[in-house]
Amino acid sequence: MVEDNVADLVTRLKAGEDAAFSELVYSYGPKLLKHAEQFLRDPSEAQDCVQEVFIQAFRKINTFRGEAALATWLHRILINACLAHLRKRKTKDTLSIDALMPEFDWAGCRTEPLGEPLLQIDELIAQQEVREAVLLKIKQLPDPYRSVLLLRDIEGYSTREASEVLMVSIATVKVRLHRARAALKKHLEPTLLDVHT
């Protein structure tokens, strides 16, 4: 959305205009839903979470001062809502990341064979199927590791910010991020490397 259009939309939202709320949902809903699905892995939960975002935005629009972009403000609400959903299901999700981690021998060397890269990294990044594979593998990580990885590597949060949002220590963020990256790397290698050579 163009900045002038966003300012006009915010003014209309604060005035309580129904059409403005429809425009807000239409303009920002698809991107918020995509981000929620990355965090929650469950389309139904993601839809509920996005609905919560718009309810909160409706209730709190008069507190929006424009210090950040409207999209950023909505995104912050979304992340908090997603993390609240993850905390609720914490007891149900007992997945361990250990099965996803690379294996090492007694000397600390990887035991899995590595192949040769098929393409240069910049060529791989440009391919849609690789992006889809990365997102799929991220979705397979257990919640605590996926959340840290998404906040740090996808959303660009600092370690301290991720620590505050997740309500865990900085050390915990660092450990989870390291393990999430290692697990992700291991499970992306078949896509990124030619294991038959």
N, C-alpha and C. Protein backbone atom coordinates (compact mmCIF):
# COMPACT_ATOMS: atom_id res chain seq x y z
N MET A 1 0.83 -1.19 0.00
CA MET A 1 0.00 0.00 0.00
C MET A 1 0.87 1.25 0.00
N VAL A 2 0.48 2.27 -0.75
CA VAL A 2 1.21 3.53 -0.78
C VAL A 2 1.03 4.24 0.55
N GLU A 3 2.08 4.96 0.99
CA GLU A 3 2.07 5.59 2.31
C GLU A 3 0.88 6.51 2.53
N ASP A 4 0.53 7.33 1.52
CA ASP A 4 -0.63 8.23 1.65
C ASP A 4 -1.92 7.44 1.83
N ASN A 5 -2.03 6.33 1.10
CA ASN A 5 -3.22 5.47 1.23
C ASN A 5 -3.29 4.85 2.63
N VAL A 6 -2.13 4.50 3.20
CA VAL A 6 -2.11 3.92 4.54
C VAL A 6 -2.55 4.96 5.56
N ALA A 7 -2.04 6.19 5.43
CA ALA A 7 -2.43 7.26 6.36
C ALA A 7 -3.94 7.51 6.28
N ASP A 8 -4.48 7.51 5.06
CA ASP A 8 -5.91 7.69 4.88
C ASP A 8 -6.68 6.52 5.50
N LEU A 9 -6.16 5.31 5.30
CA LEU A 9 -6.81 4.12 5.87
C LEU A 9 -6.84 4.20 7.39
N VAL A 10 -5.73 4.59 8.00
CA VAL A 10 -5.66 4.71 9.46
C VAL A 10 -6.68 5.74 9.96
N THR A 11 -6.77 6.87 9.27
CA THR A 11 -7.74 7.90 9.65
C THR A 11 -9.16 7.34 9.59
N ARG A 12 -9.46 6.62 8.53
CA ARG A 12 -10.79 6.03 8.38
C ARG A 12 -11.05 4.94 9.42
N LEU A 13 -10.01 4.18 9.75
CA LEU A 13 -10.14 3.15 10.78
C LEU A 13 -10.46 3.79 12.13
N LYS A 14 -9.75 4.85 12.45
CA LYS A 14 -9.96 5.53 13.74
C LYS A 14 -11.35 6.16 13.80
N ALA A 15 -11.90 6.51 12.64
CA ALA A 15 -13.25 7.07 12.59
C ALA A 15 -14.32 5.98 12.69
N GLY A 16 -13.88 4.71 12.65
CA GLY A 16 -14.81 3.59 12.78
C GLY A 16 -15.53 3.21 11.50
N GLU A 17 -14.96 3.57 10.37
CA GLU A 17 -15.59 3.29 9.08
C GLU A 17 -15.51 1.79 8.77
N ASP A 18 -16.67 1.18 8.56
CA ASP A 18 -16.73 -0.27 8.28
C ASP A 18 -15.93 -0.65 7.03
N ALA A 19 -16.05 0.14 5.98
CA ALA A 19 -15.34 -0.16 4.74
C ALA A 19 -13.82 -0.15 4.95
N ALA A 20 -13.35 0.67 5.88
CA ALA A 20 -11.91 0.73 6.16
C ALA A 20 -11.43 -0.58 6.78
N PHE A 21 -12.25 -1.17 7.65
CA PHE A 21 -11.86 -2.46 8.25
C PHE A 21 -11.87 -3.58 7.21
N SER A 22 -12.80 -3.52 6.29
CA SER A 22 -12.80 -4.50 5.19
C SER A 22 -11.54 -4.34 4.35
N GLU A 23 -11.16 -3.10 4.09
CA GLU A 23 -9.94 -2.83 3.31
C GLU A 23 -8.70 -3.31 4.05
N LEU A 24 -8.68 -3.11 5.36
CA LEU A 24 -7.56 -3.57 6.19
C LEU A 24 -7.39 -5.08 6.07
N VAL A 25 -8.49 -5.80 6.22
CA VAL A 25 -8.46 -7.27 6.13
C VAL A 25 -8.03 -7.71 4.74
N TYR A 26 -8.59 -7.09 3.72
CA TYR A 26 -8.27 -7.46 2.33
C TYR A 26 -6.81 -7.16 2.00
N SER A 27 -6.29 -6.03 2.47
CA SER A 27 -4.93 -5.62 2.14
C SER A 27 -3.86 -6.39 2.90
N TYR A 28 -4.12 -6.67 4.17
CA TYR A 28 -3.07 -7.25 5.02
C TYR A 28 -3.31 -8.71 5.40
N GLY A 29 -4.52 -9.19 5.24
CA GLY A 29 -4.86 -10.56 5.65
C GLY A 29 -4.02 -11.65 5.02
N PRO A 30 -3.85 -11.67 3.69
CA PRO A 30 -3.10 -12.77 3.08
C PRO A 30 -1.66 -12.90 3.58
N LYS A 31 -0.97 -11.77 3.72
CA LYS A 31 0.42 -11.83 4.19
C LYS A 31 0.48 -12.25 5.66
N LEU A 32 -0.44 -11.74 6.47
CA LEU A 32 -0.47 -12.15 7.87
C LEU A 32 -0.76 -13.64 8.00
N LEU A 33 -1.66 -14.15 7.18
CA LEU A 33 -2.00 -15.57 7.21
C LEU A 33 -0.79 -16.43 6.84
N LYS A 34 -0.05 -16.00 5.84
CA LYS A 34 1.15 -16.73 5.43
C LYS A 34 2.15 -16.80 6.58
N HIS A 35 2.37 -15.68 7.27
CA HIS A 35 3.30 -15.66 8.40
C HIS A 35 2.78 -16.52 9.55
N ALA A 36 1.49 -16.46 9.81
CA ALA A 36 0.92 -17.26 10.89
C ALA A 36 1.07 -18.76 10.60
N GLU A 37 0.90 -19.16 9.34
CA GLU A 37 1.05 -20.57 8.98
C GLU A 37 2.49 -21.03 9.17
N GLN A 38 3.46 -20.14 8.94
CA GLN A 38 4.86 -20.50 9.18
C GLN A 38 5.09 -20.78 10.66
N PHE A 39 4.51 -19.98 11.52
CA PHE A 39 4.70 -20.17 12.96
C PHE A 39 3.94 -21.36 13.49
N LEU A 40 2.72 -21.54 13.05
CA LEU A 40 1.82 -22.49 13.71
C LEU A 40 1.69 -23.84 13.01
N ARG A 41 2.03 -23.95 11.74
CA ARG A 41 1.95 -25.19 10.97
C ARG A 41 0.53 -25.74 10.82
N ASP A 42 -0.44 -25.05 11.31
CA ASP A 42 -1.82 -25.52 11.26
C ASP A 42 -2.67 -24.42 10.65
N PRO A 43 -3.19 -24.64 9.42
CA PRO A 43 -3.95 -23.58 8.75
C PRO A 43 -5.15 -23.08 9.56
N SER A 44 -5.80 -23.96 10.27
CA SER A 44 -6.96 -23.57 11.07
C SER A 44 -6.53 -22.65 12.23
N GLU A 45 -5.47 -23.03 12.92
CA GLU A 45 -4.95 -22.19 14.01
C GLU A 45 -4.45 -20.86 13.45
N ALA A 46 -3.82 -20.90 12.28
CA ALA A 46 -3.32 -19.67 11.67
C ALA A 46 -4.46 -18.72 11.36
N GLN A 47 -5.57 -19.25 10.83
CA GLN A 47 -6.74 -18.41 10.54
C GLN A 47 -7.31 -17.81 11.83
N ASP A 48 -7.38 -18.61 12.88
CA ASP A 48 -7.85 -18.10 14.17
C ASP A 48 -6.96 -16.97 14.67
N CYS A 49 -5.66 -17.17 14.51
CA CYS A 49 -4.68 -16.19 14.98
C CYS A 49 -4.82 -14.88 14.21
N VAL A 50 -4.97 -14.96 12.90
CA VAL A 50 -5.13 -13.75 12.09
C VAL A 50 -6.43 -13.04 12.46
N GLN A 51 -7.47 -13.81 12.72
CA GLN A 51 -8.73 -13.21 13.16
C GLN A 51 -8.51 -12.45 14.47
N GLU A 52 -7.74 -13.03 15.39
CA GLU A 52 -7.42 -12.36 16.64
C GLU A 52 -6.67 -11.05 16.39
N VAL A 53 -5.77 -11.07 15.41
CA VAL A 53 -5.01 -9.86 15.07
C VAL A 53 -5.97 -8.74 14.67
N PHE A 54 -6.92 -9.05 13.80
CA PHE A 54 -7.84 -8.02 13.34
C PHE A 54 -8.79 -7.56 14.45
N ILE A 55 -9.16 -8.46 15.34
CA ILE A 55 -9.99 -8.06 16.49
C ILE A 55 -9.21 -7.09 17.38
N GLN A 56 -7.94 -7.45 17.66
CA GLN A 56 -7.11 -6.56 18.48
C GLN A 56 -6.86 -5.23 17.77
N ALA A 57 -6.62 -5.28 16.47
CA ALA A 57 -6.40 -4.04 15.71
C ALA A 57 -7.64 -3.16 15.77
N PHE A 58 -8.81 -3.76 15.65
CA PHE A 58 -10.08 -3.03 15.74
C PHE A 58 -10.21 -2.35 17.11
N ARG A 59 -9.88 -3.10 18.16
CA ARG A 59 -10.02 -2.57 19.51
C ARG A 59 -8.97 -1.51 19.84
N LYS A 60 -7.76 -1.67 19.27
CA LYS A 60 -6.63 -0.81 19.67
C LYS A 60 -6.21 0.21 18.62
N ILE A 61 -6.99 0.38 17.55
CA ILE A 61 -6.56 1.27 16.47
C ILE A 61 -6.32 2.69 16.96
N ASN A 62 -7.05 3.12 17.98
CA ASN A 62 -6.85 4.48 18.48
C ASN A 62 -5.53 4.65 19.23
N THR A 63 -4.89 3.53 19.59
CA THR A 63 -3.56 3.62 20.23
C THR A 63 -2.45 3.65 19.19
N PHE A 64 -2.77 3.39 17.92
CA PHE A 64 -1.77 3.41 16.86
C PHE A 64 -1.38 4.86 16.58
N ARG A 65 -0.09 5.19 16.78
CA ARG A 65 0.38 6.55 16.62
C ARG A 65 1.16 6.78 15.33
N GLY A 66 1.38 5.74 14.58
CA GLY A 66 2.09 5.89 13.32
C GLY A 66 3.60 5.97 13.45
N GLU A 67 4.13 5.64 14.64
CA GLU A 67 5.59 5.65 14.82
C GLU A 67 6.24 4.52 14.02
N ALA A 68 5.51 3.45 13.82
CA ALA A 68 5.94 2.35 12.95
C ALA A 68 4.90 2.24 11.84
N ALA A 69 5.24 1.52 10.80
CA ALA A 69 4.29 1.32 9.71
C ALA A 69 3.11 0.49 10.21
N LEU A 70 1.96 0.67 9.60
CA LEU A 70 0.77 -0.11 9.97
C LEU A 70 1.05 -1.60 9.82
N ALA A 71 1.74 -1.99 8.75
CA ALA A 71 2.07 -3.40 8.53
C ALA A 71 2.93 -3.94 9.67
N THR A 72 3.88 -3.13 10.14
CA THR A 72 4.75 -3.54 11.25
C THR A 72 3.95 -3.71 12.53
N TRP A 73 3.04 -2.77 12.78
CA TRP A 73 2.19 -2.83 13.97
C TRP A 73 1.34 -4.10 13.95
N LEU A 74 0.73 -4.40 12.81
CA LEU A 74 -0.09 -5.62 12.67
C LEU A 74 0.78 -6.86 12.83
N HIS A 75 1.98 -6.81 12.29
CA HIS A 75 2.89 -7.96 12.36
C HIS A 75 3.29 -8.24 13.80
N ARG A 76 3.54 -7.19 14.57
CA ARG A 76 3.87 -7.38 15.99
C ARG A 76 2.71 -8.05 16.74
N ILE A 77 1.50 -7.59 16.46
CA ILE A 77 0.32 -8.20 17.08
C ILE A 77 0.25 -9.67 16.68
N LEU A 78 0.52 -9.96 15.40
CA LEU A 78 0.48 -11.34 14.90
C LEU A 78 1.49 -12.22 15.63
N ILE A 79 2.71 -11.76 15.75
CA ILE A 79 3.74 -12.58 16.41
C ILE A 79 3.35 -12.88 17.84
N ASN A 80 2.86 -11.87 18.55
CA ASN A 80 2.42 -12.11 19.93
C ASN A 80 1.27 -13.11 19.98
N ALA A 81 0.34 -13.00 19.05
CA ALA A 81 -0.79 -13.94 19.01
C ALA A 81 -0.31 -15.36 18.69
N CYS A 82 0.60 -15.49 17.75
CA CYS A 82 1.15 -16.81 17.39
C CYS A 82 1.87 -17.43 18.58
N LEU A 83 2.69 -16.64 19.25
CA LEU A 83 3.43 -17.16 20.40
C LEU A 83 2.48 -17.57 21.53
N ALA A 84 1.39 -16.83 21.69
CA ALA A 84 0.39 -17.21 22.70
C ALA A 84 -0.23 -18.56 22.34
N HIS A 85 -0.51 -18.78 21.04
CA HIS A 85 -1.05 -20.07 20.59
C HIS A 85 -0.04 -21.19 20.86
N LEU A 86 1.23 -20.91 20.60
CA LEU A 86 2.26 -21.93 20.82
C LEU A 86 2.39 -22.26 22.31
N ARG A 87 2.28 -21.25 23.16
CA ARG A 87 2.36 -21.51 24.61
C ARG A 87 1.19 -22.38 25.07
N LYS A 88 0.00 -22.15 24.50
CA LYS A 88 -1.18 -22.94 24.87
C LYS A 88 -1.00 -24.41 24.52
N ARG A 89 -0.37 -24.66 23.39
CA ARG A 89 -0.23 -26.05 22.95
C ARG A 89 1.08 -26.67 23.39
N LYS A 90 1.87 -25.96 24.18
CA LYS A 90 3.19 -26.43 24.60
C LYS A 90 3.14 -27.83 25.20
N THR A 91 2.15 -28.10 26.00
CA THR A 91 2.07 -29.41 26.65
C THR A 91 1.75 -30.52 25.66
N LYS A 92 1.06 -30.17 24.57
CA LYS A 92 0.70 -31.19 23.57
C LYS A 92 1.88 -31.51 22.65
N ASP A 93 2.72 -30.52 22.38
CA ASP A 93 3.80 -30.69 21.41
C ASP A 93 5.07 -31.14 22.10
N THR A 94 5.30 -32.45 22.10
CA THR A 94 6.46 -32.99 22.80
C THR A 94 7.54 -33.45 21.83
N LEU A 95 7.53 -32.92 20.60
CA LEU A 95 8.55 -33.29 19.64
C LEU A 95 9.93 -32.88 20.12
N SER A 96 10.90 -33.70 19.85
CA SER A 96 12.29 -33.40 20.18
C SER A 96 13.03 -33.07 18.89
N ILE A 97 13.97 -32.18 18.99
CA ILE A 97 14.76 -31.83 17.81
C ILE A 97 15.91 -32.82 17.62
N ASP A 98 16.19 -33.65 18.59
CA ASP A 98 17.33 -34.56 18.53
C ASP A 98 17.31 -35.45 17.29
N ALA A 99 16.15 -35.93 16.91
CA ALA A 99 16.07 -36.81 15.74
C ALA A 99 16.39 -36.07 14.44
N LEU A 100 16.30 -34.76 14.47
CA LEU A 100 16.56 -33.97 13.27
C LEU A 100 18.01 -33.50 13.17
N MET A 101 18.76 -33.65 14.26
CA MET A 101 20.12 -33.13 14.32
C MET A 101 21.10 -34.01 13.54
N PRO A 102 22.19 -33.39 13.01
CA PRO A 102 23.22 -34.20 12.35
C PRO A 102 23.90 -35.11 13.37
N GLU A 103 24.46 -36.22 12.88
CA GLU A 103 25.15 -37.15 13.77
C GLU A 103 26.65 -36.95 13.64
N PHE A 104 27.35 -37.08 14.80
CA PHE A 104 28.79 -36.88 14.85
C PHE A 104 29.45 -38.10 15.46
N ASP A 105 30.68 -38.39 15.05
CA ASP A 105 31.42 -39.50 15.65
C ASP A 105 32.15 -39.02 16.90
N TRP A 106 32.96 -39.91 17.49
CA TRP A 106 33.66 -39.60 18.74
C TRP A 106 34.60 -38.41 18.60
N ALA A 107 35.08 -38.13 17.38
CA ALA A 107 36.02 -37.02 17.16
C ALA A 107 35.31 -35.72 16.79
N GLY A 108 33.99 -35.75 16.72
CA GLY A 108 33.24 -34.55 16.40
C GLY A 108 33.04 -34.31 14.91
N CYS A 109 33.30 -35.34 14.08
CA CYS A 109 33.11 -35.21 12.64
C CYS A 109 31.74 -35.74 12.24
N ARG A 110 31.13 -35.10 11.25
CA ARG A 110 29.82 -35.54 10.76
C ARG A 110 29.93 -36.96 10.22
N THR A 111 28.95 -37.81 10.55
CA THR A 111 28.98 -39.19 10.08
C THR A 111 28.22 -39.37 8.77
N GLU A 112 27.33 -38.42 8.42
CA GLU A 112 26.59 -38.54 7.17
C GLU A 112 27.49 -38.12 6.00
N PRO A 113 27.38 -38.84 4.87
CA PRO A 113 28.19 -38.44 3.71
C PRO A 113 27.65 -37.15 3.10
N LEU A 114 28.56 -36.35 2.60
CA LEU A 114 28.19 -35.11 1.92
C LEU A 114 28.48 -35.26 0.43
N GLY A 115 27.65 -34.70 -0.38
CA GLY A 115 27.86 -34.71 -1.82
C GLY A 115 28.43 -33.39 -2.29
N GLU A 116 28.48 -33.23 -3.58
CA GLU A 116 28.97 -31.99 -4.19
C GLU A 116 27.80 -31.09 -4.51
N PRO A 117 27.97 -29.78 -4.35
CA PRO A 117 26.87 -28.88 -4.71
C PRO A 117 26.52 -29.00 -6.18
N LEU A 118 25.23 -29.04 -6.47
CA LEU A 118 24.78 -29.09 -7.86
C LEU A 118 24.88 -27.72 -8.50
N LEU A 119 24.57 -26.67 -7.74
CA LEU A 119 24.57 -25.31 -8.24
C LEU A 119 25.22 -24.40 -7.21
N GLN A 120 25.58 -23.20 -7.61
CA GLN A 120 26.06 -22.22 -6.67
C GLN A 120 24.89 -21.78 -5.79
N ILE A 121 25.21 -21.35 -4.59
CA ILE A 121 24.17 -20.98 -3.64
C ILE A 121 23.25 -19.90 -4.21
N ASP A 122 23.80 -18.88 -4.86
CA ASP A 122 22.94 -17.81 -5.39
C ASP A 122 21.98 -18.33 -6.45
N GLU A 123 22.38 -19.36 -7.19
CA GLU A 123 21.49 -19.96 -8.18
C GLU A 123 20.38 -20.76 -7.48
N LEU A 124 20.75 -21.43 -6.40
CA LEU A 124 19.77 -22.23 -5.66
C LEU A 124 18.69 -21.35 -5.03
N ILE A 125 19.14 -20.24 -4.46
CA ILE A 125 18.19 -19.35 -3.78
C ILE A 125 17.13 -18.85 -4.75
N ALA A 126 17.51 -18.67 -6.01
CA ALA A 126 16.59 -18.14 -7.00
C ALA A 126 15.51 -19.15 -7.39
N GLN A 127 15.68 -20.38 -7.04
CA GLN A 127 14.73 -21.40 -7.46
C GLN A 127 13.56 -21.52 -6.48
N GLN A 128 12.38 -21.48 -7.03
CA GLN A 128 11.17 -21.54 -6.21
C GLN A 128 11.08 -22.83 -5.41
N GLU A 129 11.47 -23.95 -6.01
CA GLU A 129 11.33 -25.22 -5.30
C GLU A 129 12.23 -25.29 -4.08
N VAL A 130 13.37 -24.62 -4.14
CA VAL A 130 14.26 -24.61 -2.97
C VAL A 130 13.63 -23.79 -1.86
N ARG A 131 13.07 -22.64 -2.21
CA ARG A 131 12.39 -21.81 -1.19
C ARG A 131 11.27 -22.61 -0.54
N GLU A 132 10.51 -23.34 -1.35
CA GLU A 132 9.42 -24.15 -0.81
C GLU A 132 9.96 -25.26 0.09
N ALA A 133 11.07 -25.87 -0.31
CA ALA A 133 11.67 -26.93 0.51
C ALA A 133 12.14 -26.38 1.85
N VAL A 134 12.73 -25.19 1.82
CA VAL A 134 13.20 -24.57 3.06
C VAL A 134 12.01 -24.31 3.99
N LEU A 135 10.95 -23.74 3.45
CA LEU A 135 9.77 -23.46 4.28
C LEU A 135 9.15 -24.74 4.83
N LEU A 136 9.12 -25.78 4.02
CA LEU A 136 8.58 -27.06 4.48
C LEU A 136 9.42 -27.63 5.61
N LYS A 137 10.74 -27.58 5.47
CA LYS A 137 11.62 -28.10 6.52
C LYS A 137 11.54 -27.26 7.79
N ILE A 138 11.36 -25.95 7.65
CA ILE A 138 11.19 -25.10 8.83
C ILE A 138 9.92 -25.49 9.57
N LYS A 139 8.85 -25.78 8.82
CA LYS A 139 7.58 -26.17 9.44
C LYS A 139 7.72 -27.46 10.24
N GLN A 140 8.68 -28.31 9.88
CA GLN A 140 8.84 -29.60 10.55
C GLN A 140 9.62 -29.49 11.87
N LEU A 141 10.21 -28.34 12.14
CA LEU A 141 10.95 -28.17 13.39
C LEU A 141 9.96 -28.08 14.55
N PRO A 142 10.33 -28.59 15.72
CA PRO A 142 9.48 -28.42 16.90
C PRO A 142 9.26 -26.93 17.20
N ASP A 143 8.13 -26.61 17.79
CA ASP A 143 7.72 -25.22 18.02
C ASP A 143 8.81 -24.31 18.61
N PRO A 144 9.47 -24.69 19.71
CA PRO A 144 10.44 -23.76 20.30
C PRO A 144 11.59 -23.41 19.36
N TYR A 145 11.99 -24.36 18.55
CA TYR A 145 13.11 -24.14 17.62
C TYR A 145 12.64 -23.37 16.39
N ARG A 146 11.46 -23.72 15.89
CA ARG A 146 10.90 -23.03 14.73
C ARG A 146 10.67 -21.55 15.04
N SER A 147 10.14 -21.28 16.23
CA SER A 147 9.86 -19.89 16.63
C SER A 147 11.14 -19.06 16.65
N VAL A 148 12.18 -19.60 17.25
CA VAL A 148 13.45 -18.87 17.32
C VAL A 148 14.00 -18.64 15.92
N LEU A 149 13.99 -19.66 15.10
CA LEU A 149 14.52 -19.55 13.74
C LEU A 149 13.74 -18.52 12.92
N LEU A 150 12.42 -18.55 13.02
CA LEU A 150 11.60 -17.59 12.29
C LEU A 150 11.85 -16.17 12.76
N LEU A 151 11.91 -15.98 14.08
CA LEU A 151 12.14 -14.63 14.60
C LEU A 151 13.51 -14.10 14.20
N ARG A 152 14.54 -14.90 14.36
CA ARG A 152 15.91 -14.43 14.09
C ARG A 152 16.23 -14.38 12.60
N ASP A 153 16.00 -15.47 11.89
CA ASP A 153 16.48 -15.56 10.51
C ASP A 153 15.48 -15.09 9.46
N ILE A 154 14.21 -15.17 9.75
CA ILE A 154 13.21 -14.75 8.77
C ILE A 154 12.70 -13.35 9.08
N GLU A 155 12.36 -13.10 10.35
CA GLU A 155 11.80 -11.80 10.73
C GLU A 155 12.87 -10.76 11.04
N GLY A 156 14.11 -11.19 11.28
CA GLY A 156 15.20 -10.24 11.51
C GLY A 156 15.30 -9.68 12.93
N TYR A 157 14.71 -10.35 13.89
CA TYR A 157 14.82 -9.90 15.28
C TYR A 157 16.25 -10.11 15.78
N SER A 158 16.70 -9.26 16.68
CA SER A 158 17.99 -9.49 17.32
C SER A 158 17.82 -10.61 18.35
N THR A 159 18.93 -11.12 18.85
CA THR A 159 18.87 -12.17 19.86
C THR A 159 18.14 -11.66 21.10
N ARG A 160 18.45 -10.43 21.50
CA ARG A 160 17.80 -9.84 22.67
C ARG A 160 16.29 -9.68 22.45
N GLU A 161 15.89 -9.19 21.28
CA GLU A 161 14.46 -9.03 20.98
C GLU A 161 13.74 -10.37 20.99
N ALA A 162 14.37 -11.37 20.37
CA ALA A 162 13.76 -12.71 20.36
C ALA A 162 13.61 -13.24 21.78
N SER A 163 14.62 -12.99 22.60
CA SER A 163 14.60 -13.41 24.00
C SER A 163 13.42 -12.78 24.73
N GLU A 164 13.20 -11.49 24.50
CA GLU A 164 12.11 -10.78 25.17
C GLU A 164 10.74 -11.26 24.68
N VAL A 165 10.61 -11.43 23.37
CA VAL A 165 9.33 -11.86 22.80
C VAL A 165 8.98 -13.27 23.26
N LEU A 166 9.98 -14.16 23.27
CA LEU A 166 9.73 -15.56 23.64
C LEU A 166 9.74 -15.79 25.15
N MET A 167 10.18 -14.77 25.90
CA MET A 167 10.26 -14.85 27.36
C MET A 167 11.18 -15.99 27.80
N VAL A 168 12.35 -16.07 27.15
CA VAL A 168 13.38 -17.03 27.54
C VAL A 168 14.70 -16.27 27.60
N SER A 169 15.72 -16.87 28.17
CA SER A 169 17.02 -16.20 28.29
C SER A 169 17.70 -16.07 26.92
N ILE A 170 18.63 -15.16 26.84
CA ILE A 170 19.42 -14.99 25.61
C ILE A 170 20.18 -16.28 25.30
N ALA A 171 20.70 -16.92 26.34
CA ALA A 171 21.43 -18.18 26.15
C ALA A 171 20.51 -19.24 25.53
N THR A 172 19.27 -19.30 25.98
CA THR A 172 18.32 -20.27 25.43
C THR A 172 18.05 -19.98 23.96
N VAL A 173 17.89 -18.70 23.62
CA VAL A 173 17.69 -18.32 22.22
C VAL A 173 18.86 -18.78 21.38
N LYS A 174 20.08 -18.55 21.86
CA LYS A 174 21.28 -18.93 21.10
C LYS A 174 21.37 -20.44 20.90
N VAL A 175 21.10 -21.18 21.95
CA VAL A 175 21.17 -22.65 21.85
C VAL A 175 20.11 -23.17 20.88
N ARG A 176 18.88 -22.69 21.05
CA ARG A 176 17.80 -23.15 20.17
C ARG A 176 18.06 -22.76 18.72
N LEU A 177 18.58 -21.57 18.50
CA LEU A 177 18.86 -21.12 17.14
C LEU A 177 19.95 -21.98 16.51
N HIS A 178 20.99 -22.26 17.27
CA HIS A 178 22.08 -23.11 16.76
C HIS A 178 21.55 -24.50 16.40
N ARG A 179 20.77 -25.08 17.27
CA ARG A 179 20.24 -26.43 17.02
C ARG A 179 19.24 -26.42 15.86
N ALA A 180 18.42 -25.38 15.78
CA ALA A 180 17.45 -25.28 14.68
C ALA A 180 18.17 -25.17 13.34
N ARG A 181 19.21 -24.33 13.29
CA ARG A 181 19.97 -24.17 12.05
C ARG A 181 20.67 -25.48 11.66
N ALA A 182 21.23 -26.18 12.65
CA ALA A 182 21.91 -27.45 12.37
C ALA A 182 20.92 -28.49 11.84
N ALA A 183 19.76 -28.58 12.46
CA ALA A 183 18.75 -29.54 12.01
C ALA A 183 18.25 -29.17 10.61
N LEU A 184 18.02 -27.89 10.39
CA LEU A 184 17.55 -27.44 9.08
C LEU A 184 18.59 -27.73 8.00
N LYS A 185 19.83 -27.45 8.31
CA LYS A 185 20.91 -27.70 7.34
C LYS A 185 20.98 -29.19 6.99
N LYS A 186 20.91 -30.04 8.00
CA LYS A 186 20.99 -31.48 7.75
C LYS A 186 19.85 -31.93 6.83
N HIS A 187 18.66 -31.44 7.08
CA HIS A 187 17.51 -31.93 6.31
C HIS A 187 17.35 -31.23 4.97
N LEU A 188 18.11 -30.18 4.74
CA LEU A 188 18.09 -29.54 3.43
C LEU A 188 19.18 -30.09 2.51
N GLU A 189 20.17 -30.76 3.08
CA GLU A 189 21.28 -31.25 2.27
C GLU A 189 20.86 -32.13 1.10
N PRO A 190 19.90 -33.04 1.26
CA PRO A 190 19.49 -33.81 0.07
C PRO A 190 18.95 -32.94 -1.06
N THR A 191 18.35 -31.83 -0.72
CA THR A 191 17.84 -30.91 -1.74
C THR A 191 18.96 -30.10 -2.35
N LEU A 192 19.94 -29.71 -1.53
CA LEU A 192 21.00 -28.81 -1.97
C LEU A 192 22.23 -29.51 -2.52
N LEU A 193 22.39 -30.78 -2.18
CA LEU A 193 23.60 -31.49 -2.59
C LEU A 193 23.27 -32.70 -3.43
N ASP A 194 24.20 -33.07 -4.28
CA ASP A 194 24.06 -34.30 -5.07
C ASP A 194 24.67 -35.43 -4.25
N VAL A 195 23.84 -36.18 -3.55
CA VAL A 195 24.35 -37.24 -2.67
C VAL A 195 24.75 -38.49 -3.42
N HIS A 196 24.53 -38.53 -4.71
CA HIS A 196 24.87 -39.73 -5.49
C HIS A 196 26.29 -39.68 -6.04
N THR A 197 27.02 -38.58 -5.90
CA THR A 197 28.38 -38.52 -6.44
C THR A 197 29.39 -38.84 -5.38
